[in-house]
Amino acid sequence: MTRIATLFAAAASLVAAPAAAGTYTAKPAIQPEAARIIARDISWNCSTATCLGRTQESRPAILCEGLAKRAGRLESFVVDGRPFGQAELAKCNASAKAVTTSAPATAIAN
C-alpha cells in the first residue's frame, strides 16, 4: 500500500502545476486614447487613472515597454504589488510613444 502511495506522490510531482497569472498595474502620465490596449501577450483595461492587466507572461520589463509604446509615458508600473524602481521605469519609458499636444502656436508680431 505504501508503494502505491509513493508512486502516486511521485507521479503527482511530475505533473506541472499551471502558472499563476501575474497582476500588472500602470499609471499613464495622460489618459490613453483607448480603454482597451492589446500589447505583447497582455490585454490592458485602462480607466482615467490606471491600466490593469493579468497574464502568465513572466517578463515585466517587456510588458511595461509594450504598454508605454501604445499609451505613452508611465508614472508607475507595479508587478504583483512590487513597483518598478526609478531605473526600471526610466528604461520602460524610453519606449514610450511621443505625446503630441494640441496647444495652438503663438505668433510674435514685430
PDB file of N, CA and C in Angstrom:
ATOM      1  N   MET A   1       0.823  -1.191   0.000  1.00  0.00           N
ATOM      2  CA  MET A   1       0.000   0.000   0.000  1.00  0.00           C
ATOM      3  C   MET A   1       0.867   1.255   0.000  1.00  0.00           C
ATOM      4  N   THR A   2       1.977   1.239   0.745  1.00  0.00           N
ATOM      5  CA  THR A   2       2.839   2.418   0.781  1.00  0.00           C
ATOM      6  C   THR A   2       3.536   2.629  -0.559  1.00  0.00           C
ATOM      7  N   ARG A   3       3.777   1.519  -1.283  1.00  0.00           N
ATOM      8  CA  ARG A   3       4.381   1.658  -2.603  1.00  0.00           C
ATOM      9  C   ARG A   3       3.442   2.416  -3.546  1.00  0.00           C
ATOM     10  N   ILE A   4       2.175   2.103  -3.465  1.00  0.00           N
ATOM     11  CA  ILE A   4       1.195   2.783  -4.319  1.00  0.00           C
ATOM     12  C   ILE A   4       1.133   4.262  -3.954  1.00  0.00           C
ATOM     13  N   ALA A   5       1.133   4.568  -2.667  1.00  0.00           N
ATOM     14  CA  ALA A   5       1.090   5.969  -2.232  1.00  0.00           C
ATOM     15  C   ALA A   5       2.347   6.706  -2.679  1.00  0.00           C
ATOM     16  N   THR A   6       3.505   6.052  -2.579  1.00  0.00           N
ATOM     17  CA  THR A   6       4.756   6.666  -3.010  1.00  0.00           C
ATOM     18  C   THR A   6       4.744   6.877  -4.515  1.00  0.00           C
ATOM     19  N   LEU A   7       4.272   5.900  -5.259  1.00  0.00           N
ATOM     20  CA  LEU A   7       4.185   6.013  -6.702  1.00  0.00           C
ATOM     21  C   LEU A   7       3.231   7.141  -7.098  1.00  0.00           C
ATOM     22  N   PHE A   8       2.098   7.221  -6.430  1.00  0.00           N
ATOM     23  CA  PHE A   8       1.131   8.276  -6.709  1.00  0.00           C
ATOM     24  C   PHE A   8       1.735   9.655  -6.404  1.00  0.00           C
ATOM     25  N   ALA A   9       2.434   9.803  -5.303  1.00  0.00           N
ATOM     26  CA  ALA A   9       3.062  11.079  -4.942  1.00  0.00           C
ATOM     27  C   ALA A   9       4.127  11.465  -5.958  1.00  0.00           C
ATOM     28  N   ALA A  10       4.898  10.478  -6.427  1.00  0.00           N
ATOM     29  CA  ALA A  10       5.930  10.759  -7.424  1.00  0.00           C
ATOM     30  C   ALA A  10       5.298  11.200  -8.740  1.00  0.00           C
ATOM     31  N   ALA A  11       4.222  10.542  -9.144  1.00  0.00           N
ATOM     32  CA  ALA A  11       3.543  10.907 -10.383  1.00  0.00           C
ATOM     33  C   ALA A  11       2.932  12.301 -10.273  1.00  0.00           C
ATOM     34  N   ALA A  12       2.374  12.624  -9.123  1.00  0.00           N
ATOM     35  CA  ALA A  12       1.771  13.936  -8.919  1.00  0.00           C
ATOM     36  C   ALA A  12       2.812  15.042  -8.987  1.00  0.00           C
ATOM     37  N   SER A  13       4.022  14.758  -8.536  1.00  0.00           N
ATOM     38  CA  SER A  13       5.063  15.782  -8.570  1.00  0.00           C
ATOM     39  C   SER A  13       5.555  16.054  -9.994  1.00  0.00           C
ATOM     40  N   LEU A  14       5.353  15.101 -10.905  1.00  0.00           N
ATOM     41  CA  LEU A  14       5.772  15.285 -12.287  1.00  0.00           C
ATOM     42  C   LEU A  14       4.786  16.111 -13.099  1.00  0.00           C
ATOM     43  N   VAL A  15       3.564  16.195 -12.642  1.00  0.00           N
ATOM     44  CA  VAL A  15       2.546  16.969 -13.336  1.00  0.00           C
ATOM     45  C   VAL A  15       2.801  18.445 -13.062  1.00  0.00           C
ATOM     46  N   ALA A  16       2.963  19.195 -14.119  1.00  0.00           N
ATOM     47  CA  ALA A  16       3.256  20.624 -13.964  1.00  0.00           C
ATOM     48  C   ALA A  16       2.021  21.366 -13.477  1.00  0.00           C
ATOM     49  N   ALA A  17       2.219  22.158 -12.471  1.00  0.00           N
ATOM     50  CA  ALA A  17       1.128  22.996 -11.969  1.00  0.00           C
ATOM     51  C   ALA A  17       0.967  24.171 -12.915  1.00  0.00           C
ATOM     52  N   PRO A  18      -0.267  24.592 -13.146  1.00  0.00           N
ATOM     53  CA  PRO A  18      -0.456  25.735 -14.031  1.00  0.00           C
ATOM     54  C   PRO A  18       0.166  26.990 -13.424  1.00  0.00           C
ATOM     55  N   ALA A  19       0.774  27.773 -14.274  1.00  0.00           N
ATOM     56  CA  ALA A  19       1.399  29.009 -13.806  1.00  0.00           C
ATOM     57  C   ALA A  19       0.317  30.000 -13.406  1.00  0.00           C
ATOM     58  N   ALA A  20       0.551  30.696 -12.327  1.00  0.00           N
ATOM     59  CA  ALA A  20      -0.399  31.698 -11.871  1.00  0.00           C
ATOM     60  C   ALA A  20      -0.204  32.966 -12.687  1.00  0.00           C
ATOM     61  N   ALA A  21      -1.299  33.585 -13.008  1.00  0.00           N
ATOM     62  CA  ALA A  21      -1.224  34.828 -13.775  1.00  0.00           C
ATOM     63  C   ALA A  21      -0.752  35.958 -12.877  1.00  0.00           C
ATOM     64  N   GLY A  22       0.153  36.773 -13.403  1.00  0.00           N
ATOM     65  CA  GLY A  22       0.626  37.932 -12.675  1.00  0.00           C
ATOM     66  C   GLY A  22      -0.343  39.087 -12.858  1.00  0.00           C
ATOM     67  N   THR A  23      -0.382  39.960 -11.881  1.00  0.00           N
ATOM     68  CA  THR A  23      -1.229  41.143 -11.943  1.00  0.00           C
ATOM     69  C   THR A  23      -0.354  42.358 -12.158  1.00  0.00           C
ATOM     70  N   TYR A  24      -0.704  43.159 -13.133  1.00  0.00           N
ATOM     71  CA  TYR A  24       0.076  44.333 -13.515  1.00  0.00           C
ATOM     72  C   TYR A  24      -0.804  45.577 -13.438  1.00  0.00           C
ATOM     73  N   THR A  25      -0.259  46.637 -12.863  1.00  0.00           N
ATOM     74  CA  THR A  25      -0.956  47.913 -12.761  1.00  0.00           C
ATOM     75  C   THR A  25      -0.008  49.011 -13.224  1.00  0.00           C
ATOM     76  N   ALA A  26      -0.514  49.895 -14.057  1.00  0.00           N
ATOM     77  CA  ALA A  26       0.292  51.001 -14.548  1.00  0.00           C
ATOM     78  C   ALA A  26      -0.504  52.291 -14.443  1.00  0.00           C
ATOM     79  N   LYS A  27       0.217  53.368 -14.219  1.00  0.00           N
ATOM     80  CA  LYS A  27      -0.414  54.686 -14.183  1.00  0.00           C
ATOM     81  C   LYS A  27       0.188  55.526 -15.307  1.00  0.00           C
ATOM     82  N   PRO A  28      -0.553  55.691 -16.405  1.00  0.00           N
ATOM     83  CA  PRO A  28      -0.057  56.519 -17.504  1.00  0.00           C
ATOM     84  C   PRO A  28      -0.016  57.993 -17.098  1.00  0.00           C
ATOM     85  N   ALA A  29       0.917  58.736 -17.692  1.00  0.00           N
ATOM     86  CA  ALA A  29       1.028  60.169 -17.411  1.00  0.00           C
ATOM     87  C   ALA A  29      -0.207  60.910 -17.898  1.00  0.00           C
ATOM     88  N   ILE A  30      -0.752  60.474 -19.032  1.00  0.00           N
ATOM     89  CA  ILE A  30      -2.010  61.024 -19.528  1.00  0.00           C
ATOM     90  C   ILE A  30      -2.937  59.866 -19.845  1.00  0.00           C
ATOM     91  N   GLN A  31      -4.227  60.126 -19.862  1.00  0.00           N
ATOM     92  CA  GLN A  31      -5.189  59.064 -20.129  1.00  0.00           C
ATOM     93  C   GLN A  31      -4.992  58.523 -21.540  1.00  0.00           C
ATOM     94  N   PRO A  32      -4.877  57.203 -21.680  1.00  0.00           N
ATOM     95  CA  PRO A  32      -4.729  56.619 -23.014  1.00  0.00           C
ATOM     96  C   PRO A  32      -5.966  56.896 -23.874  1.00  0.00           C
ATOM     97  N   GLU A  33      -5.761  56.943 -25.175  1.00  0.00           N
ATOM     98  CA  GLU A  33      -6.863  57.183 -26.103  1.00  0.00           C
ATOM     99  C   GLU A  33      -7.872  56.043 -26.085  1.00  0.00           C
ATOM    100  N   ALA A  34      -7.398  54.813 -25.900  1.00  0.00           N
ATOM    101  CA  ALA A  34      -8.271  53.639 -25.909  1.00  0.00           C
ATOM    102  C   ALA A  34      -8.451  53.094 -24.498  1.00  0.00           C
ATOM    103  N   ALA A  35      -9.644  52.567 -24.223  1.00  0.00           N
ATOM    104  CA  ALA A  35      -9.910  51.963 -22.924  1.00  0.00           C
ATOM    105  C   ALA A  35      -9.338  50.549 -22.847  1.00  0.00           C
ATOM    106  N   ARG A  36      -9.082  49.936 -23.993  1.00  0.00           N
ATOM    107  CA  ARG A  36      -8.507  48.586 -24.034  1.00  0.00           C
ATOM    108  C   ARG A  36      -7.302  48.615 -24.962  1.00  0.00           C
ATOM    109  N   ILE A  37      -6.180  48.155 -24.448  1.00  0.00           N
ATOM    110  CA  ILE A  37      -4.934  48.134 -25.219  1.00  0.00           C
ATOM    111  C   ILE A  37      -4.401  46.706 -25.224  1.00  0.00           C
ATOM    112  N   ILE A  38      -4.132  46.194 -26.415  1.00  0.00           N
ATOM    113  CA  ILE A  38      -3.549  44.864 -26.559  1.00  0.00           C
ATOM    114  C   ILE A  38      -2.072  45.068 -26.883  1.00  0.00           C
ATOM    115  N   ALA A  39      -1.206  44.512 -26.052  1.00  0.00           N
ATOM    116  CA  ALA A  39       0.231  44.696 -26.243  1.00  0.00           C
ATOM    117  C   ALA A  39       1.004  43.505 -25.696  1.00  0.00           C
ATOM    118  N   ARG A  40       1.850  42.907 -26.484  1.00  0.00           N
ATOM    119  CA  ARG A  40       2.787  41.866 -26.065  1.00  0.00           C
ATOM    120  C   ARG A  40       2.242  40.901 -25.012  1.00  0.00           C
ATOM    121  N   ASP A  41       1.377  40.033 -25.378  1.00  0.00           N
ATOM    122  CA  ASP A  41       0.894  38.956 -24.505  1.00  0.00           C
ATOM    123  C   ASP A  41       0.017  39.417 -23.353  1.00  0.00           C
ATOM    124  N   ILE A  42      -0.544  40.607 -23.425  1.00  0.00           N
ATOM    125  CA  ILE A  42      -1.395  41.088 -22.344  1.00  0.00           C
ATOM    126  C   ILE A  42      -2.453  42.032 -22.898  1.00  0.00           C
ATOM    127  N   SER A  43      -3.616  41.978 -22.282  1.00  0.00           N
ATOM    128  CA  SER A  43      -4.693  42.895 -22.620  1.00  0.00           C
ATOM    129  C   SER A  43      -4.849  43.850 -21.436  1.00  0.00           C
ATOM    130  N   TRP A  44      -4.697  45.142 -21.701  1.00  0.00           N
ATOM    131  CA  TRP A  44      -4.794  46.169 -20.667  1.00  0.00           C
ATOM    132  C   TRP A  44      -6.178  46.805 -20.701  1.00  0.00           C
ATOM    133  N   ASN A  45      -6.794  46.970 -19.531  1.00  0.00           N
ATOM    134  CA  ASN A  45      -8.044  47.704 -19.393  1.00  0.00           C
ATOM    135  C   ASN A  45      -7.708  49.002 -18.684  1.00  0.00           C
ATOM    136  N   CYS A  46      -7.874  50.115 -19.398  1.00  0.00           N
ATOM    137  CA  CYS A  46      -7.460  51.414 -18.884  1.00  0.00           C
ATOM    138  C   CYS A  46      -8.659  52.278 -18.532  1.00  0.00           C
ATOM    139  N   SER A  47      -8.573  52.927 -17.375  1.00  0.00           N
ATOM    140  CA  SER A  47      -9.569  53.904 -16.950  1.00  0.00           C
ATOM    141  C   SER A  47      -8.891  55.265 -16.984  1.00  0.00           C
ATOM    142  N   THR A  48      -9.489  56.234 -16.346  1.00  0.00           N
ATOM    143  CA  THR A  48      -8.896  57.576 -16.355  1.00  0.00           C
ATOM    144  C   THR A  48      -7.588  57.627 -15.579  1.00  0.00           C
ATOM    145  N   ALA A  49      -7.395  56.745 -14.610  1.00  0.00           N
ATOM    146  CA  ALA A  49      -6.205  56.826 -13.751  1.00  0.00           C
ATOM    147  C   ALA A  49      -5.228  55.665 -13.894  1.00  0.00           C
ATOM    148  N   THR A  50      -5.704  54.480 -14.242  1.00  0.00           N
ATOM    149  CA  THR A  50      -4.817  53.312 -14.266  1.00  0.00           C
ATOM    150  C   THR A  50      -5.134  52.371 -15.420  1.00  0.00           C
ATOM    151  N   CYS A  51      -4.151  51.533 -15.717  1.00  0.00           N
ATOM    152  CA  CYS A  51      -4.323  50.427 -16.653  1.00  0.00           C
ATOM    153  C   CYS A  51      -4.053  49.152 -15.868  1.00  0.00           C
ATOM    154  N   LEU A  52      -4.941  48.174 -16.013  1.00  0.00           N
ATOM    155  CA  LEU A  52      -4.810  46.905 -15.310  1.00  0.00           C
ATOM    156  C   LEU A  52      -4.731  45.766 -16.305  1.00  0.00           C
ATOM    157  N   GLY A  53      -3.896  44.764 -15.987  1.00  0.00           N
ATOM    158  CA  GLY A  53      -3.784  43.596 -16.839  1.00  0.00           C
ATOM    159  C   GLY A  53      -3.331  42.382 -16.056  1.00  0.00           C
ATOM    160  N   ARG A  54      -3.647  41.193 -16.593  1.00  0.00           N
ATOM    161  CA  ARG A  54      -3.207  39.931 -15.989  1.00  0.00           C
ATOM    162  C   ARG A  54      -2.708  39.036 -17.109  1.00  0.00           C
ATOM    163  N   THR A  55      -1.589  38.369 -16.851  1.00  0.00           N
ATOM    164  CA  THR A  55      -1.032  37.434 -17.819  1.00  0.00           C
ATOM    165  C   THR A  55      -0.077  36.480 -17.127  1.00  0.00           C
ATOM    166  N   GLN A  56       0.194  35.366 -17.775  1.00  0.00           N
ATOM    167  CA  GLN A  56       1.178  34.420 -17.264  1.00  0.00           C
ATOM    168  C   GLN A  56       2.564  34.757 -17.777  1.00  0.00           C
ATOM    169  N   GLU A  57       2.663  35.765 -18.626  1.00  0.00           N
ATOM    170  CA  GLU A  57       3.955  36.219 -19.153  1.00  0.00           C
ATOM    171  C   GLU A  57       4.849  36.600 -17.981  1.00  0.00           C
ATOM    172  N   SER A  58       6.107  36.232 -18.047  1.00  0.00           N
ATOM    173  CA  SER A  58       6.997  36.454 -16.905  1.00  0.00           C
ATOM    174  C   SER A  58       8.089  37.484 -17.190  1.00  0.00           C
ATOM    175  N   ARG A  59       7.864  38.368 -18.154  1.00  0.00           N
ATOM    176  CA  ARG A  59       8.865  39.378 -18.461  1.00  0.00           C
ATOM    177  C   ARG A  59       8.251  40.767 -18.282  1.00  0.00           C
ATOM    178  N   PRO A  60       8.169  41.230 -17.044  1.00  0.00           N
ATOM    179  CA  PRO A  60       7.518  42.511 -16.760  1.00  0.00           C
ATOM    180  C   PRO A  60       8.100  43.692 -17.524  1.00  0.00           C
ATOM    181  N   ALA A  61       9.409  43.725 -17.737  1.00  0.00           N
ATOM    182  CA  ALA A  61      10.015  44.852 -18.445  1.00  0.00           C
ATOM    183  C   ALA A  61       9.483  44.932 -19.875  1.00  0.00           C
ATOM    184  N   ILE A  62       9.314  43.808 -20.529  1.00  0.00           N
ATOM    185  CA  ILE A  62       8.780  43.779 -21.895  1.00  0.00           C
ATOM    186  C   ILE A  62       7.324  44.224 -21.901  1.00  0.00           C
ATOM    187  N   LEU A  63       6.551  43.788 -20.900  1.00  0.00           N
ATOM    188  CA  LEU A  63       5.147  44.195 -20.813  1.00  0.00           C
ATOM    189  C   LEU A  63       5.031  45.694 -20.577  1.00  0.00           C
ATOM    190  N   CYS A  64       5.906  46.238 -19.744  1.00  0.00           N
ATOM    191  CA  CYS A  64       5.914  47.670 -19.464  1.00  0.00           C
ATOM    192  C   CYS A  64       6.223  48.449 -20.739  1.00  0.00           C
ATOM    193  N   GLU A  65       7.246  48.032 -21.459  1.00  0.00           N
ATOM    194  CA  GLU A  65       7.633  48.715 -22.701  1.00  0.00           C
ATOM    195  C   GLU A  65       6.517  48.644 -23.737  1.00  0.00           C
ATOM    196  N   GLY A  66       5.840  47.506 -23.815  1.00  0.00           N
ATOM    197  CA  GLY A  66       4.735  47.360 -24.758  1.00  0.00           C
ATOM    198  C   GLY A  66       3.597  48.322 -24.462  1.00  0.00           C
ATOM    199  N   LEU A  67       3.284  48.493 -23.184  1.00  0.00           N
ATOM    200  CA  LEU A  67       2.233  49.440 -22.814  1.00  0.00           C
ATOM    201  C   LEU A  67       2.680  50.871 -23.075  1.00  0.00           C
ATOM    202  N   ALA A  68       3.914  51.188 -22.729  1.00  0.00           N
ATOM    203  CA  ALA A  68       4.424  52.546 -22.936  1.00  0.00           C
ATOM    204  C   ALA A  68       4.425  52.911 -24.420  1.00  0.00           C
ATOM    205  N   LYS A  69       4.694  51.950 -25.301  1.00  0.00           N
ATOM    206  CA  LYS A  69       4.682  52.217 -26.745  1.00  0.00           C
ATOM    207  C   LYS A  69       3.297  52.624 -27.224  1.00  0.00           C
ATOM    208  N   ARG A  70       2.255  52.110 -26.568  1.00  0.00           N
ATOM    209  CA  ARG A  70       0.893  52.377 -27.018  1.00  0.00           C
ATOM    210  C   ARG A  70       0.173  53.441 -26.197  1.00  0.00           C
ATOM    211  N   ALA A  71       0.521  53.577 -24.919  1.00  0.00           N
ATOM    212  CA  ALA A  71      -0.191  54.511 -24.045  1.00  0.00           C
ATOM    213  C   ALA A  71       0.601  55.775 -23.740  1.00  0.00           C
ATOM    214  N   GLY A  72       1.901  55.751 -23.994  1.00  0.00           N
ATOM    215  CA  GLY A  72       2.736  56.899 -23.654  1.00  0.00           C
ATOM    216  C   GLY A  72       3.460  56.683 -22.332  1.00  0.00           C
ATOM    217  N   ARG A  73       4.132  57.732 -21.865  1.00  0.00           N
ATOM    218  CA  ARG A  73       4.952  57.651 -20.660  1.00  0.00           C
ATOM    219  C   ARG A  73       4.125  57.194 -19.454  1.00  0.00           C
ATOM    220  N   LEU A  74       4.739  56.323 -18.640  1.00  0.00           N
ATOM    221  CA  LEU A  74       4.083  55.803 -17.439  1.00  0.00           C
ATOM    222  C   LEU A  74       4.683  56.450 -16.198  1.00  0.00           C
ATOM    223  N   GLU A  75       3.817  56.795 -15.261  1.00  0.00           N
ATOM    224  CA  GLU A  75       4.285  57.356 -13.993  1.00  0.00           C
ATOM    225  C   GLU A  75       4.647  56.254 -13.011  1.00  0.00           C
ATOM    226  N   SER A  76       4.010  55.083 -13.157  1.00  0.00           N
ATOM    227  CA  SER A  76       4.337  53.943 -12.294  1.00  0.00           C
ATOM    228  C   SER A  76       3.971  52.654 -13.008  1.00  0.00           C
ATOM    229  N   PHE A  77       4.629  51.563 -12.580  1.00  0.00           N
ATOM    230  CA  PHE A  77       4.355  50.231 -13.104  1.00  0.00           C
ATOM    231  C   PHE A  77       4.565  49.262 -11.951  1.00  0.00           C
ATOM    232  N   VAL A  78       3.525  48.479 -11.629  1.00  0.00           N
ATOM    233  CA  VAL A  78       3.560  47.598 -10.464  1.00  0.00           C
ATOM    234  C   VAL A  78       3.289  46.170 -10.911  1.00  0.00           C
ATOM    235  N   VAL A  79       4.134  45.247 -10.452  1.00  0.00           N
ATOM    236  CA  VAL A  79       4.016  43.827 -10.774  1.00  0.00           C
ATOM    237  C   VAL A  79       3.730  43.067  -9.491  1.00  0.00           C
ATOM    238  N   ASP A  80       2.540  42.491  -9.389  1.00  0.00           N
ATOM    239  CA  ASP A  80       2.146  41.727  -8.199  1.00  0.00           C
ATOM    240  C   ASP A  80       2.463  42.482  -6.904  1.00  0.00           C
ATOM    241  N   GLY A  81       2.177  43.767  -6.884  1.00  0.00           N
ATOM    242  CA  GLY A  81       2.386  44.570  -5.680  1.00  0.00           C
ATOM    243  C   GLY A  81       3.768  45.179  -5.547  1.00  0.00           C
ATOM    244  N   ARG A  82       4.703  44.827  -6.445  1.00  0.00           N
ATOM    245  CA  ARG A  82       6.066  45.379  -6.380  1.00  0.00           C
ATOM    246  C   ARG A  82       6.234  46.449  -7.446  1.00  0.00           C
ATOM    247  N   PRO A  83       6.421  47.702  -7.024  1.00  0.00           N
ATOM    248  CA  PRO A  83       6.594  48.769  -8.012  1.00  0.00           C
ATOM    249  C   PRO A  83       7.975  48.725  -8.659  1.00  0.00           C
ATOM    250  N   PHE A  84       8.031  49.116  -9.925  1.00  0.00           N
ATOM    251  CA  PHE A  84       9.302  49.287 -10.610  1.00  0.00           C
ATOM    252  C   PHE A  84      10.070  50.409  -9.930  1.00  0.00           C
ATOM    253  N   GLY A  85      11.384  50.261  -9.852  1.00  0.00           N
ATOM    254  CA  GLY A  85      12.249  51.321  -9.351  1.00  0.00           C
ATOM    255  C   GLY A  85      12.419  52.392 -10.420  1.00  0.00           C
ATOM    256  N   GLN A  86      13.097  53.473 -10.055  1.00  0.00           N
ATOM    257  CA  GLN A  86      13.288  54.582 -10.989  1.00  0.00           C
ATOM    258  C   GLN A  86      14.027  54.157 -12.252  1.00  0.00           C
ATOM    259  N   ALA A  87      15.066  53.344 -12.106  1.00  0.00           N
ATOM    260  CA  ALA A  87      15.853  52.909 -13.265  1.00  0.00           C
ATOM    261  C   ALA A  87      15.018  52.013 -14.189  1.00  0.00           C
ATOM    262  N   GLU A  88      14.259  51.089 -13.605  1.00  0.00           N
ATOM    263  CA  GLU A  88      13.406  50.208 -14.402  1.00  0.00           C
ATOM    264  C   GLU A  88      12.348  51.009 -15.156  1.00  0.00           C
ATOM    265  N   LEU A  89      11.739  51.965 -14.465  1.00  0.00           N
ATOM    266  CA  LEU A  89      10.694  52.780 -15.084  1.00  0.00           C
ATOM    267  C   LEU A  89      11.270  53.675 -16.180  1.00  0.00           C
ATOM    268  N   ALA A  90      12.461  54.214 -15.952  1.00  0.00           N
ATOM    269  CA  ALA A  90      13.102  55.048 -16.972  1.00  0.00           C
ATOM    270  C   ALA A  90      13.391  54.233 -18.232  1.00  0.00           C
ATOM    271  N   LYS A  91      13.864  53.008 -18.069  1.00  0.00           N
ATOM    272  CA  LYS A  91      14.128  52.139 -19.218  1.00  0.00           C
ATOM    273  C   LYS A  91      12.829  51.826 -19.953  1.00  0.00           C
ATOM    274  N   CYS A  92      11.781  51.565 -19.209  1.00  0.00           N
ATOM    275  CA  CYS A  92      10.469  51.302 -19.799  1.00  0.00           C
ATOM    276  C   CYS A  92      10.000  52.513 -20.594  1.00  0.00           C
ATOM    277  N   ASN A  93      10.107  53.695 -20.002  1.00  0.00           N
ATOM    278  CA  ASN A  93       9.618  54.911 -20.638  1.00  0.00           C
ATOM    279  C   ASN A  93      10.443  55.333 -21.847  1.00  0.00           C
ATOM    280  N   ALA A  94      11.620  54.765 -22.022  1.00  0.00           N
ATOM    281  CA  ALA A  94      12.408  55.043 -23.229  1.00  0.00           C
ATOM    282  C   ALA A  94      11.665  54.554 -24.470  1.00  0.00           C
ATOM    283  N   SER A  95      10.738  53.620 -24.286  1.00  0.00           N
ATOM    284  CA  SER A  95       9.937  53.084 -25.386  1.00  0.00           C
ATOM    285  C   SER A  95       8.639  53.846 -25.596  1.00  0.00           C
ATOM    286  N   ALA A  96       8.352  54.799 -24.734  1.00  0.00           N
ATOM    287  CA  ALA A  96       7.057  55.488 -24.764  1.00  0.00           C
ATOM    288  C   ALA A  96       6.839  56.226 -26.069  1.00  0.00           C
ATOM    289  N   LYS A  97       5.594  56.166 -26.526  1.00  0.00           N
ATOM    290  CA  LYS A  97       5.256  56.895 -27.741  1.00  0.00           C
ATOM    291  C   LYS A  97       5.297  58.384 -27.457  1.00  0.00           C
ATOM    292  N   ALA A  98       5.591  59.137 -28.473  1.00  0.00           N
ATOM    293  CA  ALA A  98       5.629  60.597 -28.329  1.00  0.00           C
ATOM    294  C   ALA A  98       4.208  61.106 -28.166  1.00  0.00           C
ATOM    295  N   VAL A  99       4.037  62.013 -27.239  1.00  0.00           N
ATOM    296  CA  VAL A  99       2.730  62.603 -26.994  1.00  0.00           C
ATOM    297  C   VAL A  99       2.697  63.952 -27.685  1.00  0.00           C
ATOM    298  N   THR A 100       1.688  64.121 -28.508  1.00  0.00           N
ATOM    299  CA  THR A 100       1.556  65.402 -29.190  1.00  0.00           C
ATOM    300  C   THR A 100       0.560  66.263 -28.450  1.00  0.00           C
ATOM    301  N   THR A 101       0.856  67.522 -28.373  1.00  0.00           N
ATOM    302  CA  THR A 101      -0.072  68.438 -27.722  1.00  0.00           C
ATOM    303  C   THR A 101      -0.827  69.192 -28.791  1.00  0.00           C
ATOM    304  N   SER A 102      -2.026  69.579 -28.462  1.00  0.00           N
ATOM    305  CA  SER A 102      -2.836  70.304 -29.427  1.00  0.00           C
ATOM    306  C   SER A 102      -2.901  71.788 -29.087  1.00  0.00           C
ATOM    307  N   ALA A 103      -1.916  72.282 -28.348  1.00  0.00           N
ATOM    308  CA  ALA A 103      -1.892  73.699 -27.995  1.00  0.00           C
ATOM    309  C   ALA A 103      -1.578  74.518 -29.235  1.00  0.00           C
ATOM    310  N   PRO A 104      -2.317  75.612 -29.421  1.00  0.00           N
ATOM    311  CA  PRO A 104      -2.081  76.416 -30.607  1.00  0.00           C
ATOM    312  C   PRO A 104      -0.742  77.141 -30.518  1.00  0.00           C
ATOM    313  N   ALA A 105      -0.114  77.288 -31.658  1.00  0.00           N
ATOM    314  CA  ALA A 105       1.147  78.022 -31.710  1.00  0.00           C
ATOM    315  C   ALA A 105       0.844  79.518 -31.639  1.00  0.00           C
ATOM    316  N   THR A 106       1.700  80.253 -31.001  1.00  0.00           N
ATOM    317  CA  THR A 106       1.505  81.696 -30.908  1.00  0.00           C
ATOM    318  C   THR A 106       2.490  82.392 -31.827  1.00  0.00           C
ATOM    319  N   ALA A 107       1.998  83.391 -32.494  1.00  0.00           N
ATOM    320  CA  ALA A 107       2.845  84.159 -33.420  1.00  0.00           C
ATOM    321  C   ALA A 107       3.310  85.409 -32.717  1.00  0.00           C
ATOM    322  N   ILE A 108       4.515  85.824 -33.000  1.00  0.00           N
ATOM    323  CA  ILE A 108       5.060  87.038 -32.415  1.00  0.00           C
ATOM    324  C   ILE A 108       5.056  88.107 -33.504  1.00  0.00           C
ATOM    325  N   ALA A 109       4.352  89.187 -33.219  1.00  0.00           N
ATOM    326  CA  ALA A 109       4.294  90.290 -34.194  1.00  0.00           C
ATOM    327  C   ALA A 109       5.434  91.269 -33.927  1.00  0.00           C
ATOM    328  N   ASN A 110       6.019  91.786 -34.989  1.00  0.00           N
ATOM    329  CA  ASN A 110       7.092  92.760 -34.849  1.00  0.00           C
ATOM    330  C   ASN A 110       6.558  94.138 -34.960  1.00  0.00           C
TER     331      ASN A 110
END
